[in-house]
Amino acid sequence: NVRGGGDMVSVRNQASGLLHVCRNPGVEALLVAIETVAADFCLCTIYRHPQSTRPQFRVAIADIFASIPSNSPAVLVGDLNDDQSTQNSESSWIVDVLKDCGFVDEVIPSPTTDFGSTLDRVFCRNISISSLAVTDCPFSDHDYLAFSVRV
C-alpha cells in the first residue's frame, strides 16, 4: 500500500542493453550498458522511496554497481527524494553515499517538481554531461532531466 516511483530509460542513437534490475526494499533501479563510438558507459535510473533508510540505500547501491568495475564511467539519474535545493547536514547522507562510490553531484538548474523541489538528481562518475535541462512532463508532477553525455 505504498505509493512507488518508477524508472524509464530513453536512449537515442546508441546501442544499449539491460545489465541489472534492482528491487531492493525502498529502491527501484535499472542499470543499462550504453555503447557509443567513442566509449561505453553505464546509465542507472533510480527511485528511492522517501522512507528508505540509509542501510537500505547503501545495500541497493552496492547491489546495483557490483556488476561493473568501480572506475567505469557511469551516470546515475532519478528521483532520490532528497531535495538538492535544501541540502543540509541531515539530508546530505545520500550525496555522501554516492561520493563514496566515486560519483559527483551535478547541479540541477531549476526545480524538478511542480511543487518547487529538486528531488530528481544526476550523479556522474568518470564521465561528463552537458546541456542539462529540466523539461516539463505533462503526465507527472515530476519533470524530466534531459542531457548529453561526453565520454
N, C-alpha and C. Protein backbone atom coordinates (compact mmCIF):
# COMPACT_ATOMS: atom_id res chain seq x y z
N ASN A 1 0.80 -1.20 0.00
CA ASN A 1 0.00 0.00 0.00
C ASN A 1 0.84 1.26 0.00
N VAL A 2 2.06 1.16 -0.50
CA VAL A 2 2.94 2.31 -0.55
C VAL A 2 3.04 2.79 -1.98
N ARG A 3 2.83 4.08 -2.15
CA ARG A 3 2.94 4.66 -3.48
C ARG A 3 4.40 4.62 -3.91
N GLY A 4 4.68 4.12 -5.09
CA GLY A 4 6.05 3.97 -5.55
C GLY A 4 6.38 4.92 -6.67
N GLY A 5 7.57 4.75 -7.17
CA GLY A 5 8.05 5.57 -8.27
C GLY A 5 7.99 4.78 -9.54
N GLY A 6 9.07 4.75 -10.23
CA GLY A 6 9.16 4.02 -11.47
C GLY A 6 10.36 4.54 -12.23
N ASP A 7 10.88 3.75 -13.14
CA ASP A 7 12.06 4.12 -13.90
C ASP A 7 11.78 3.98 -15.38
N MET A 8 12.37 4.87 -16.15
CA MET A 8 12.31 4.79 -17.59
C MET A 8 13.64 5.23 -18.15
N VAL A 9 14.14 4.50 -19.13
CA VAL A 9 15.37 4.88 -19.81
C VAL A 9 15.02 5.11 -21.27
N SER A 10 15.42 6.25 -21.79
CA SER A 10 15.25 6.56 -23.20
C SER A 10 16.60 6.97 -23.75
N VAL A 11 17.14 6.17 -24.68
CA VAL A 11 18.46 6.42 -25.25
C VAL A 11 18.30 6.60 -26.74
N ARG A 12 18.84 7.70 -27.26
CA ARG A 12 18.71 7.99 -28.68
C ARG A 12 20.01 7.69 -29.41
N ASN A 13 19.91 6.98 -30.51
CA ASN A 13 21.01 6.74 -31.44
C ASN A 13 22.18 5.96 -30.85
N GLN A 14 21.95 5.10 -29.90
CA GLN A 14 23.02 4.30 -29.32
C GLN A 14 22.51 2.89 -29.04
N ALA A 15 23.42 1.94 -29.05
CA ALA A 15 23.07 0.58 -28.66
C ALA A 15 23.07 0.50 -27.14
N SER A 16 22.14 -0.27 -26.59
CA SER A 16 22.11 -0.41 -25.14
C SER A 16 21.60 -1.80 -24.76
N GLY A 17 21.90 -2.19 -23.54
CA GLY A 17 21.45 -3.48 -23.04
C GLY A 17 21.28 -3.44 -21.54
N LEU A 18 20.25 -4.09 -21.06
CA LEU A 18 19.96 -4.12 -19.63
C LEU A 18 20.99 -4.99 -18.90
N LEU A 19 21.60 -4.41 -17.87
CA LEU A 19 22.59 -5.14 -17.06
C LEU A 19 22.02 -5.66 -15.76
N HIS A 20 21.13 -4.86 -15.14
CA HIS A 20 20.69 -5.19 -13.79
C HIS A 20 19.36 -4.51 -13.48
N VAL A 21 18.50 -5.21 -12.78
CA VAL A 21 17.26 -4.63 -12.26
C VAL A 21 17.33 -4.76 -10.74
N CYS A 22 17.13 -3.65 -10.05
CA CYS A 22 17.19 -3.64 -8.59
C CYS A 22 15.79 -3.38 -8.04
N ARG A 23 15.34 -4.27 -7.18
CA ARG A 23 14.05 -4.08 -6.50
C ARG A 23 14.25 -4.31 -5.00
N ASN A 24 15.33 -3.75 -4.48
CA ASN A 24 15.59 -3.86 -3.05
C ASN A 24 14.56 -3.06 -2.28
N PRO A 25 14.35 -3.36 -1.00
CA PRO A 25 13.39 -2.59 -0.22
C PRO A 25 13.72 -1.09 -0.26
N GLY A 26 12.76 -0.30 -0.69
CA GLY A 26 12.92 1.14 -0.71
C GLY A 26 13.60 1.71 -1.93
N VAL A 27 14.09 0.86 -2.85
CA VAL A 27 14.82 1.34 -4.01
C VAL A 27 14.44 0.52 -5.25
N GLU A 28 14.14 1.22 -6.33
CA GLU A 28 13.93 0.58 -7.63
C GLU A 28 14.97 1.18 -8.58
N ALA A 29 15.62 0.34 -9.39
CA ALA A 29 16.63 0.87 -10.31
C ALA A 29 16.80 -0.03 -11.52
N LEU A 30 17.23 0.57 -12.61
CA LEU A 30 17.63 -0.13 -13.81
C LEU A 30 19.05 0.29 -14.14
N LEU A 31 19.92 -0.66 -14.46
CA LEU A 31 21.28 -0.37 -14.88
C LEU A 31 21.42 -0.84 -16.32
N VAL A 32 21.78 0.09 -17.19
CA VAL A 32 21.85 -0.18 -18.62
C VAL A 32 23.25 0.11 -19.13
N ALA A 33 23.78 -0.77 -19.97
CA ALA A 33 25.06 -0.53 -20.64
C ALA A 33 24.77 0.22 -21.92
N ILE A 34 25.48 1.33 -22.11
CA ILE A 34 25.33 2.15 -23.33
C ILE A 34 26.62 2.03 -24.13
N GLU A 35 26.48 1.69 -25.40
CA GLU A 35 27.64 1.55 -26.28
C GLU A 35 27.66 2.71 -27.26
N THR A 36 28.77 3.46 -27.27
CA THR A 36 28.93 4.56 -28.21
C THR A 36 30.17 4.32 -29.05
N VAL A 37 30.33 5.11 -30.08
CA VAL A 37 31.52 5.01 -30.92
C VAL A 37 32.76 5.40 -30.11
N ALA A 38 32.64 6.43 -29.27
CA ALA A 38 33.78 6.93 -28.50
C ALA A 38 34.15 6.00 -27.34
N ALA A 39 33.16 5.56 -26.59
CA ALA A 39 33.41 4.72 -25.41
C ALA A 39 32.09 4.19 -24.88
N ASP A 40 32.17 3.23 -23.97
CA ASP A 40 30.97 2.67 -23.35
C ASP A 40 30.83 3.22 -21.93
N PHE A 41 29.60 3.27 -21.44
CA PHE A 41 29.37 3.69 -20.06
C PHE A 41 28.08 3.04 -19.57
N CYS A 42 27.84 3.16 -18.27
CA CYS A 42 26.62 2.63 -17.67
C CYS A 42 25.70 3.77 -17.28
N LEU A 43 24.42 3.55 -17.48
CA LEU A 43 23.39 4.52 -17.09
C LEU A 43 22.47 3.82 -16.10
N CYS A 44 22.29 4.43 -14.95
CA CYS A 44 21.42 3.87 -13.92
C CYS A 44 20.28 4.85 -13.65
N THR A 45 19.06 4.37 -13.80
CA THR A 45 17.91 5.17 -13.36
C THR A 45 17.49 4.61 -12.01
N ILE A 46 17.09 5.51 -11.12
CA ILE A 46 16.83 5.07 -9.75
C ILE A 46 15.65 5.83 -9.15
N TYR A 47 14.89 5.12 -8.33
CA TYR A 47 13.85 5.73 -7.50
C TYR A 47 14.10 5.27 -6.07
N ARG A 48 14.27 6.24 -5.16
CA ARG A 48 14.42 5.93 -3.75
C ARG A 48 13.17 6.41 -3.03
N HIS A 49 12.47 5.45 -2.39
CA HIS A 49 11.28 5.80 -1.63
C HIS A 49 11.67 6.75 -0.50
N PRO A 50 10.83 7.74 -0.20
CA PRO A 50 11.18 8.71 0.86
C PRO A 50 11.49 8.08 2.21
N GLN A 51 10.92 6.92 2.49
CA GLN A 51 11.16 6.27 3.79
C GLN A 51 12.31 5.27 3.75
N SER A 52 12.99 5.16 2.62
CA SER A 52 14.13 4.25 2.51
C SER A 52 15.22 4.67 3.49
N THR A 53 15.76 3.71 4.22
CA THR A 53 16.77 4.00 5.22
C THR A 53 18.17 4.07 4.60
N ARG A 54 19.10 4.60 5.35
CA ARG A 54 20.50 4.64 4.89
C ARG A 54 21.02 3.24 4.58
N PRO A 55 20.84 2.27 5.49
CA PRO A 55 21.33 0.91 5.17
C PRO A 55 20.67 0.33 3.92
N GLN A 56 19.37 0.53 3.75
CA GLN A 56 18.69 0.02 2.55
C GLN A 56 19.30 0.64 1.29
N PHE A 57 19.54 1.94 1.34
CA PHE A 57 20.10 2.64 0.18
C PHE A 57 21.52 2.16 -0.11
N ARG A 58 22.33 2.02 0.93
CA ARG A 58 23.71 1.54 0.74
C ARG A 58 23.73 0.14 0.13
N VAL A 59 22.87 -0.76 0.61
CA VAL A 59 22.80 -2.12 0.07
C VAL A 59 22.36 -2.08 -1.40
N ALA A 60 21.38 -1.26 -1.70
CA ALA A 60 20.90 -1.16 -3.09
C ALA A 60 21.99 -0.63 -4.01
N ILE A 61 22.70 0.41 -3.59
CA ILE A 61 23.77 0.97 -4.43
C ILE A 61 24.87 -0.08 -4.64
N ALA A 62 25.25 -0.80 -3.59
CA ALA A 62 26.26 -1.85 -3.72
C ALA A 62 25.77 -2.95 -4.67
N ASP A 63 24.51 -3.30 -4.58
CA ASP A 63 23.91 -4.32 -5.43
C ASP A 63 23.90 -3.87 -6.90
N ILE A 64 23.54 -2.61 -7.11
CA ILE A 64 23.46 -2.07 -8.47
C ILE A 64 24.81 -2.09 -9.16
N PHE A 65 25.84 -1.62 -8.46
CA PHE A 65 27.13 -1.44 -9.10
C PHE A 65 28.10 -2.60 -8.90
N ALA A 66 27.66 -3.69 -8.31
CA ALA A 66 28.52 -4.86 -8.11
C ALA A 66 28.93 -5.49 -9.44
N SER A 67 28.13 -5.30 -10.47
CA SER A 67 28.39 -5.97 -11.74
C SER A 67 29.30 -5.17 -12.68
N ILE A 68 29.76 -3.98 -12.27
CA ILE A 68 30.64 -3.20 -13.13
C ILE A 68 31.88 -2.77 -12.34
N PRO A 69 33.02 -2.59 -13.03
CA PRO A 69 34.23 -2.14 -12.33
C PRO A 69 34.02 -0.77 -11.67
N SER A 70 34.68 -0.56 -10.53
CA SER A 70 34.45 0.65 -9.75
C SER A 70 34.92 1.93 -10.44
N ASN A 71 35.75 1.83 -11.48
CA ASN A 71 36.20 3.03 -12.16
C ASN A 71 35.51 3.23 -13.51
N SER A 72 34.55 2.38 -13.85
CA SER A 72 33.84 2.51 -15.12
C SER A 72 33.04 3.80 -15.17
N PRO A 73 32.99 4.46 -16.33
CA PRO A 73 32.16 5.65 -16.46
C PRO A 73 30.69 5.28 -16.22
N ALA A 74 30.01 6.13 -15.45
CA ALA A 74 28.61 5.85 -15.13
C ALA A 74 27.87 7.15 -14.83
N VAL A 75 26.57 7.13 -15.15
CA VAL A 75 25.66 8.22 -14.82
C VAL A 75 24.51 7.60 -14.03
N LEU A 76 24.17 8.21 -12.90
CA LEU A 76 23.04 7.80 -12.10
C LEU A 76 22.05 8.95 -12.10
N VAL A 77 20.82 8.68 -12.51
CA VAL A 77 19.81 9.74 -12.61
C VAL A 77 18.49 9.22 -12.09
N GLY A 78 17.76 10.06 -11.39
CA GLY A 78 16.44 9.64 -10.94
C GLY A 78 15.93 10.42 -9.75
N ASP A 79 14.85 9.93 -9.21
CA ASP A 79 14.16 10.55 -8.07
C ASP A 79 14.73 9.96 -6.79
N LEU A 80 15.57 10.72 -6.11
CA LEU A 80 16.19 10.25 -4.88
C LEU A 80 15.45 10.75 -3.64
N ASN A 81 14.38 11.51 -3.85
CA ASN A 81 13.62 12.06 -2.73
C ASN A 81 14.55 12.72 -1.70
N ASP A 82 15.47 13.50 -2.22
CA ASP A 82 16.43 14.26 -1.43
C ASP A 82 16.55 15.62 -2.13
N ASP A 83 15.94 16.64 -1.57
CA ASP A 83 15.83 17.94 -2.23
C ASP A 83 17.17 18.65 -2.29
N GLN A 84 17.71 18.77 -3.50
CA GLN A 84 19.01 19.43 -3.68
C GLN A 84 18.96 20.89 -3.25
N SER A 85 17.80 21.53 -3.37
CA SER A 85 17.70 22.96 -3.04
C SER A 85 17.70 23.22 -1.54
N THR A 86 17.54 22.18 -0.72
CA THR A 86 17.54 22.38 0.74
C THR A 86 18.56 21.47 1.42
N GLN A 87 19.71 21.27 0.77
CA GLN A 87 20.73 20.39 1.35
C GLN A 87 21.18 20.89 2.71
N ASN A 88 21.24 20.01 3.65
CA ASN A 88 21.78 20.31 4.96
C ASN A 88 22.51 19.07 5.46
N SER A 89 23.10 19.14 6.61
CA SER A 89 23.90 18.02 7.09
C SER A 89 23.07 16.76 7.30
N GLU A 90 21.80 16.90 7.60
CA GLU A 90 20.95 15.73 7.81
C GLU A 90 20.61 15.04 6.49
N SER A 91 20.36 15.82 5.43
CA SER A 91 19.94 15.22 4.18
C SER A 91 21.09 14.88 3.24
N SER A 92 22.31 15.31 3.55
CA SER A 92 23.42 15.10 2.63
C SER A 92 23.96 13.67 2.65
N TRP A 93 23.39 12.78 3.46
CA TRP A 93 23.90 11.41 3.53
C TRP A 93 23.80 10.69 2.20
N ILE A 94 22.80 10.99 1.39
CA ILE A 94 22.68 10.34 0.07
C ILE A 94 23.84 10.76 -0.81
N VAL A 95 24.16 12.05 -0.81
CA VAL A 95 25.29 12.56 -1.57
C VAL A 95 26.57 11.89 -1.08
N ASP A 96 26.71 11.74 0.24
CA ASP A 96 27.90 11.10 0.81
C ASP A 96 28.03 9.64 0.37
N VAL A 97 26.93 8.90 0.34
CA VAL A 97 26.96 7.50 -0.12
C VAL A 97 27.45 7.43 -1.56
N LEU A 98 26.93 8.30 -2.41
CA LEU A 98 27.32 8.27 -3.81
C LEU A 98 28.73 8.80 -4.03
N LYS A 99 29.15 9.77 -3.23
CA LYS A 99 30.55 10.24 -3.31
C LYS A 99 31.51 9.11 -2.94
N ASP A 100 31.14 8.29 -1.96
CA ASP A 100 31.97 7.15 -1.58
C ASP A 100 32.15 6.17 -2.74
N CYS A 101 31.20 6.17 -3.68
CA CYS A 101 31.27 5.31 -4.87
C CYS A 101 31.91 6.03 -6.05
N GLY A 102 32.43 7.24 -5.82
CA GLY A 102 33.13 7.99 -6.87
C GLY A 102 32.25 8.90 -7.71
N PHE A 103 31.02 9.14 -7.28
CA PHE A 103 30.11 9.97 -8.06
C PHE A 103 30.16 11.43 -7.65
N VAL A 104 29.97 12.32 -8.62
CA VAL A 104 29.90 13.76 -8.40
C VAL A 104 28.46 14.20 -8.61
N ASP A 105 27.96 15.02 -7.70
CA ASP A 105 26.60 15.55 -7.76
C ASP A 105 26.54 16.70 -8.75
N GLU A 106 25.74 16.57 -9.79
CA GLU A 106 25.57 17.65 -10.77
C GLU A 106 24.55 18.66 -10.25
N VAL A 107 24.76 19.92 -10.58
CA VAL A 107 23.82 20.96 -10.17
C VAL A 107 22.65 20.98 -11.15
N ILE A 108 21.45 20.83 -10.61
CA ILE A 108 20.24 20.86 -11.42
C ILE A 108 19.81 22.33 -11.52
N PRO A 109 19.57 22.85 -12.74
CA PRO A 109 19.36 24.29 -12.93
C PRO A 109 18.05 24.86 -12.40
N SER A 110 17.06 24.03 -12.15
CA SER A 110 15.77 24.53 -11.67
C SER A 110 15.02 23.39 -10.97
N PRO A 111 13.95 23.72 -10.23
CA PRO A 111 13.18 22.66 -9.56
C PRO A 111 12.71 21.60 -10.54
N THR A 112 12.58 20.36 -10.05
CA THR A 112 12.19 19.25 -10.91
C THR A 112 10.78 18.74 -10.62
N THR A 113 10.08 19.39 -9.70
CA THR A 113 8.69 19.01 -9.43
C THR A 113 7.78 20.22 -9.55
N ASP A 114 6.50 19.95 -9.71
CA ASP A 114 5.51 21.03 -9.78
C ASP A 114 5.38 21.77 -8.46
N PHE A 115 5.95 21.21 -7.40
CA PHE A 115 5.85 21.80 -6.06
C PHE A 115 7.08 22.62 -5.70
N GLY A 116 8.04 22.75 -6.63
CA GLY A 116 9.20 23.60 -6.41
C GLY A 116 10.41 22.93 -5.78
N SER A 117 10.39 21.63 -5.62
CA SER A 117 11.55 20.92 -5.04
C SER A 117 12.41 20.33 -6.16
N THR A 118 13.65 20.00 -5.80
CA THR A 118 14.59 19.40 -6.75
C THR A 118 14.92 18.00 -6.26
N LEU A 119 13.97 17.08 -6.47
CA LEU A 119 14.12 15.70 -6.00
C LEU A 119 14.81 14.81 -7.02
N ASP A 120 14.74 15.20 -8.28
CA ASP A 120 15.33 14.42 -9.35
C ASP A 120 16.76 14.90 -9.55
N ARG A 121 17.69 13.96 -9.57
CA ARG A 121 19.10 14.32 -9.49
C ARG A 121 19.92 13.58 -10.54
N VAL A 122 21.13 14.07 -10.79
CA VAL A 122 22.09 13.43 -11.69
C VAL A 122 23.43 13.37 -10.97
N PHE A 123 24.03 12.18 -10.97
CA PHE A 123 25.37 11.97 -10.41
C PHE A 123 26.22 11.32 -11.50
N CYS A 124 27.47 11.74 -11.64
CA CYS A 124 28.35 11.20 -12.67
C CYS A 124 29.64 10.66 -12.06
N ARG A 125 30.19 9.63 -12.72
CA ARG A 125 31.48 9.08 -12.32
C ARG A 125 32.31 8.85 -13.58
N ASN A 126 33.47 9.53 -13.67
CA ASN A 126 34.40 9.39 -14.80
C ASN A 126 33.75 9.66 -16.15
N ILE A 127 32.83 10.61 -16.16
CA ILE A 127 32.11 10.99 -17.38
C ILE A 127 31.56 12.39 -17.18
N SER A 128 31.37 13.12 -18.28
CA SER A 128 30.82 14.47 -18.19
C SER A 128 29.49 14.54 -18.92
N ILE A 129 28.61 15.38 -18.40
CA ILE A 129 27.35 15.63 -19.09
C ILE A 129 27.31 17.10 -19.48
N SER A 130 26.51 17.40 -20.50
CA SER A 130 26.33 18.78 -20.94
C SER A 130 24.86 18.98 -21.30
N SER A 131 24.51 20.22 -21.48
CA SER A 131 23.15 20.59 -21.90
C SER A 131 22.09 20.04 -20.95
N LEU A 132 22.37 20.03 -19.65
CA LEU A 132 21.41 19.55 -18.67
C LEU A 132 20.23 20.51 -18.59
N ALA A 133 19.03 19.98 -18.83
CA ALA A 133 17.83 20.82 -18.82
C ALA A 133 16.70 20.09 -18.11
N VAL A 134 15.90 20.86 -17.40
CA VAL A 134 14.69 20.35 -16.76
C VAL A 134 13.54 20.67 -17.70
N THR A 135 12.81 19.63 -18.11
CA THR A 135 11.74 19.79 -19.09
C THR A 135 10.42 19.30 -18.51
N ASP A 136 9.37 20.09 -18.70
CA ASP A 136 8.07 19.75 -18.15
C ASP A 136 7.57 18.42 -18.70
N CYS A 137 7.01 17.63 -17.82
CA CYS A 137 6.40 16.35 -18.20
C CYS A 137 4.90 16.48 -17.93
N PRO A 138 4.07 16.49 -18.95
CA PRO A 138 2.64 16.77 -18.77
C PRO A 138 1.87 15.71 -18.00
N PHE A 139 2.39 14.48 -17.88
CA PHE A 139 1.63 13.43 -17.22
C PHE A 139 2.19 13.07 -15.84
N SER A 140 3.04 13.93 -15.27
CA SER A 140 3.61 13.66 -13.95
C SER A 140 3.83 14.96 -13.21
N ASP A 141 3.89 14.88 -11.88
CA ASP A 141 4.23 16.07 -11.10
C ASP A 141 5.75 16.27 -11.05
N HIS A 142 6.51 15.33 -11.62
CA HIS A 142 7.95 15.46 -11.76
C HIS A 142 8.27 15.80 -13.22
N ASP A 143 9.22 16.68 -13.42
CA ASP A 143 9.71 16.98 -14.76
C ASP A 143 10.78 15.94 -15.10
N TYR A 144 11.24 15.96 -16.35
CA TYR A 144 12.30 15.02 -16.67
C TYR A 144 13.59 15.78 -16.95
N LEU A 145 14.70 15.09 -16.73
CA LEU A 145 16.03 15.67 -16.93
C LEU A 145 16.56 15.17 -18.26
N ALA A 146 16.89 16.11 -19.13
CA ALA A 146 17.47 15.78 -20.43
C ALA A 146 18.91 16.28 -20.44
N PHE A 147 19.82 15.47 -20.97
CA PHE A 147 21.22 15.88 -21.02
C PHE A 147 21.96 15.07 -22.07
N SER A 148 23.12 15.57 -22.46
CA SER A 148 24.00 14.87 -23.37
C SER A 148 25.19 14.36 -22.58
N VAL A 149 25.75 13.26 -23.02
CA VAL A 149 26.89 12.65 -22.34
C VAL A 149 28.13 12.85 -23.20
N ARG A 150 29.22 13.25 -22.54
CA ARG A 150 30.52 13.37 -23.19
C ARG A 150 31.45 12.33 -22.56
N VAL A 151 31.79 11.33 -23.34
CA VAL A 151 32.63 10.25 -22.83
C VAL A 151 34.09 10.56 -23.12
